[in-house]
Amino acid sequence: MNDKEITNALLNILKKELGAASELLPKNLLIDIAEKISPNIDKLIESNGFVKKAKYDSMLKLARELEERIEKLEKA
């Protein structure tokens, strides 16, 4: 799941839990709440051994770059 999908999921959960009251609240308020909760959810997800796709992609890129550097050093 990417960041936007997680935020949308949080918004949907908040709307569901608040029920009809969510229609009365400003949309920005729900978005702000979701953004403030998101880091805590990220920590919870990572504590269970998972990472966000963006973090995975950056780590994968770094690993590939390191492998290329090692291969160049081995050839020298």
C-alpha atoms as a PDB file:
ATOM      1  CA  MET A   1       0.000   0.000   0.000  1.00  0.00           C
ATOM      2  CA  ASN A   2       1.293   3.437  -0.802  1.00  0.00           C
ATOM      3  CA  ASP A   3       0.887   6.498   1.418  1.00  0.00           C
ATOM      4  CA  LYS A   4      -2.217   7.748  -0.388  1.00  0.00           C
ATOM      5  CA  GLU A   5      -3.962   4.387  -0.105  1.00  0.00           C
ATOM      6  CA  ILE A   6      -3.217   4.220   3.629  1.00  0.00           C
ATOM      7  CA  THR A   7      -4.557   7.745   4.131  1.00  0.00           C
ATOM      8  CA  ASN A   8      -7.717   6.904   2.168  1.00  0.00           C
ATOM      9  CA  ALA A   9      -8.200   3.742   4.210  1.00  0.00           C
ATOM     10  CA  LEU A  10      -7.853   5.743   7.429  1.00  0.00           C
ATOM     11  CA  LEU A  11     -10.376   8.294   6.182  1.00  0.00           C
ATOM     12  CA  ASN A  12     -12.846   5.549   5.323  1.00  0.00           C
ATOM     13  CA  ILE A  13     -12.431   3.984   8.777  1.00  0.00           C
ATOM     14  CA  LEU A  14     -12.942   7.355  10.470  1.00  0.00           C
ATOM     15  CA  LYS A  15     -16.051   8.060   8.381  1.00  0.00           C
ATOM     16  CA  LYS A  16     -17.466   4.625   9.142  1.00  0.00           C
ATOM     17  CA  GLU A  17     -16.816   4.915  12.874  1.00  0.00           C
ATOM     18  CA  LEU A  18     -18.203   8.440  13.095  1.00  0.00           C
ATOM     19  CA  GLY A  19     -21.267   7.504  11.052  1.00  0.00           C
ATOM     20  CA  ALA A  20     -23.613  10.364  10.210  1.00  0.00           C
ATOM     21  CA  ALA A  21     -21.536  12.791  12.301  1.00  0.00           C
ATOM     22  CA  SER A  22     -18.738  12.568   9.733  1.00  0.00           C
ATOM     23  CA  GLU A  23     -20.949  14.408   7.241  1.00  0.00           C
ATOM     24  CA  LEU A  24     -21.145  17.371   9.618  1.00  0.00           C
ATOM     25  CA  LEU A  25     -17.382  17.634  10.145  1.00  0.00           C
ATOM     26  CA  PRO A  26     -15.187  19.563   7.736  1.00  0.00           C
ATOM     27  CA  LYS A  27     -13.365  17.285   5.302  1.00  0.00           C
ATOM     28  CA  ASN A  28     -10.036  18.929   6.191  1.00  0.00           C
ATOM     29  CA  LEU A  29     -10.512  17.910   9.819  1.00  0.00           C
ATOM     30  CA  LEU A  30     -10.764  14.229   8.884  1.00  0.00           C
ATOM     31  CA  ILE A  31      -7.720  14.525   6.631  1.00  0.00           C
ATOM     32  CA  ASP A  32      -5.731  16.223   9.412  1.00  0.00           C
ATOM     33  CA  ILE A  33      -6.716  13.488  11.858  1.00  0.00           C
ATOM     34  CA  ALA A  34      -5.712  10.774   9.385  1.00  0.00           C
ATOM     35  CA  GLU A  35      -2.346  12.456   8.777  1.00  0.00           C
ATOM     36  CA  LYS A  36      -1.654  12.692  12.503  1.00  0.00           C
ATOM     37  CA  ILE A  37      -2.578   9.050  13.064  1.00  0.00           C
ATOM     38  CA  SER A  38      -0.633   7.798  10.039  1.00  0.00           C
ATOM     39  CA  PRO A  39       2.870   7.911  11.634  1.00  0.00           C
ATOM     40  CA  ASN A  40       1.664   5.821  14.567  1.00  0.00           C
ATOM     41  CA  ILE A  41       0.134   3.292  12.212  1.00  0.00           C
ATOM     42  CA  ASP A  42       3.386   3.231  10.233  1.00  0.00           C
ATOM     43  CA  LYS A  43       5.282   2.399  13.433  1.00  0.00           C
ATOM     44  CA  LEU A  44       2.792  -0.355  14.224  1.00  0.00           C
ATOM     45  CA  ILE A  45       3.096  -1.810  10.711  1.00  0.00           C
ATOM     46  CA  GLU A  46       6.907  -1.692  10.822  1.00  0.00           C
ATOM     47  CA  SER A  47       6.980  -3.270  14.276  1.00  0.00           C
ATOM     48  CA  ASN A  48       5.282  -6.288  12.676  1.00  0.00           C
ATOM     49  CA  GLY A  49       8.008  -6.596  10.047  1.00  0.00           C
ATOM     50  CA  PHE A  50       6.367  -4.719   7.180  1.00  0.00           C
ATOM     51  CA  VAL A  51       7.424  -1.509   5.408  1.00  0.00           C
ATOM     52  CA  LYS A  52       5.736   0.921   3.049  1.00  0.00           C
ATOM     53  CA  LYS A  53       6.200   0.392  -0.650  1.00  0.00           C
ATOM     54  CA  ALA A  54       8.128   3.655  -1.004  1.00  0.00           C
ATOM     55  CA  LYS A  55      10.582   2.605   1.700  1.00  0.00           C
ATOM     56  CA  TYR A  56      10.903  -0.865   0.169  1.00  0.00           C
ATOM     57  CA  ASP A  57      11.587   0.624  -3.262  1.00  0.00           C
ATOM     58  CA  SER A  58      14.271   2.963  -1.921  1.00  0.00           C
ATOM     59  CA  MET A  59      15.941   0.121  -0.005  1.00  0.00           C
ATOM     60  CA  LEU A  60      15.819  -2.080  -3.111  1.00  0.00           C
ATOM     61  CA  LYS A  61      17.420   0.683  -5.197  1.00  0.00           C
ATOM     62  CA  LEU A  62      20.155   1.132  -2.611  1.00  0.00           C
ATOM     63  CA  ALA A  63      20.819  -2.627  -2.509  1.00  0.00           C
ATOM     64  CA  ARG A  64      21.120  -2.765  -6.297  1.00  0.00           C
ATOM     65  CA  GLU A  65      23.528   0.175  -6.330  1.00  0.00           C
ATOM     66  CA  LEU A  66      25.643  -1.484  -3.655  1.00  0.00           C
ATOM     67  CA  GLU A  67      25.693  -4.748  -5.615  1.00  0.00           C
ATOM     68  CA  GLU A  68      26.903  -2.871  -8.704  1.00  0.00           C
ATOM     69  CA  ARG A  69      29.673  -1.224  -6.688  1.00  0.00           C
ATOM     70  CA  ILE A  70      30.759  -4.586  -5.249  1.00  0.00           C
ATOM     71  CA  GLU A  71      30.827  -6.136  -8.726  1.00  0.00           C
ATOM     72  CA  LYS A  72      33.019  -3.268  -9.994  1.00  0.00           C
ATOM     73  CA  LEU A  73      35.381  -3.677  -7.061  1.00  0.00           C
ATOM     74  CA  GLU A  74      35.617  -7.437  -7.617  1.00  0.00           C
ATOM     75  CA  LYS A  75      36.516  -6.886 -11.284  1.00  0.00           C
ATOM     76  CA  ALA A  76      39.287  -4.415 -10.421  1.00  0.00           C
END
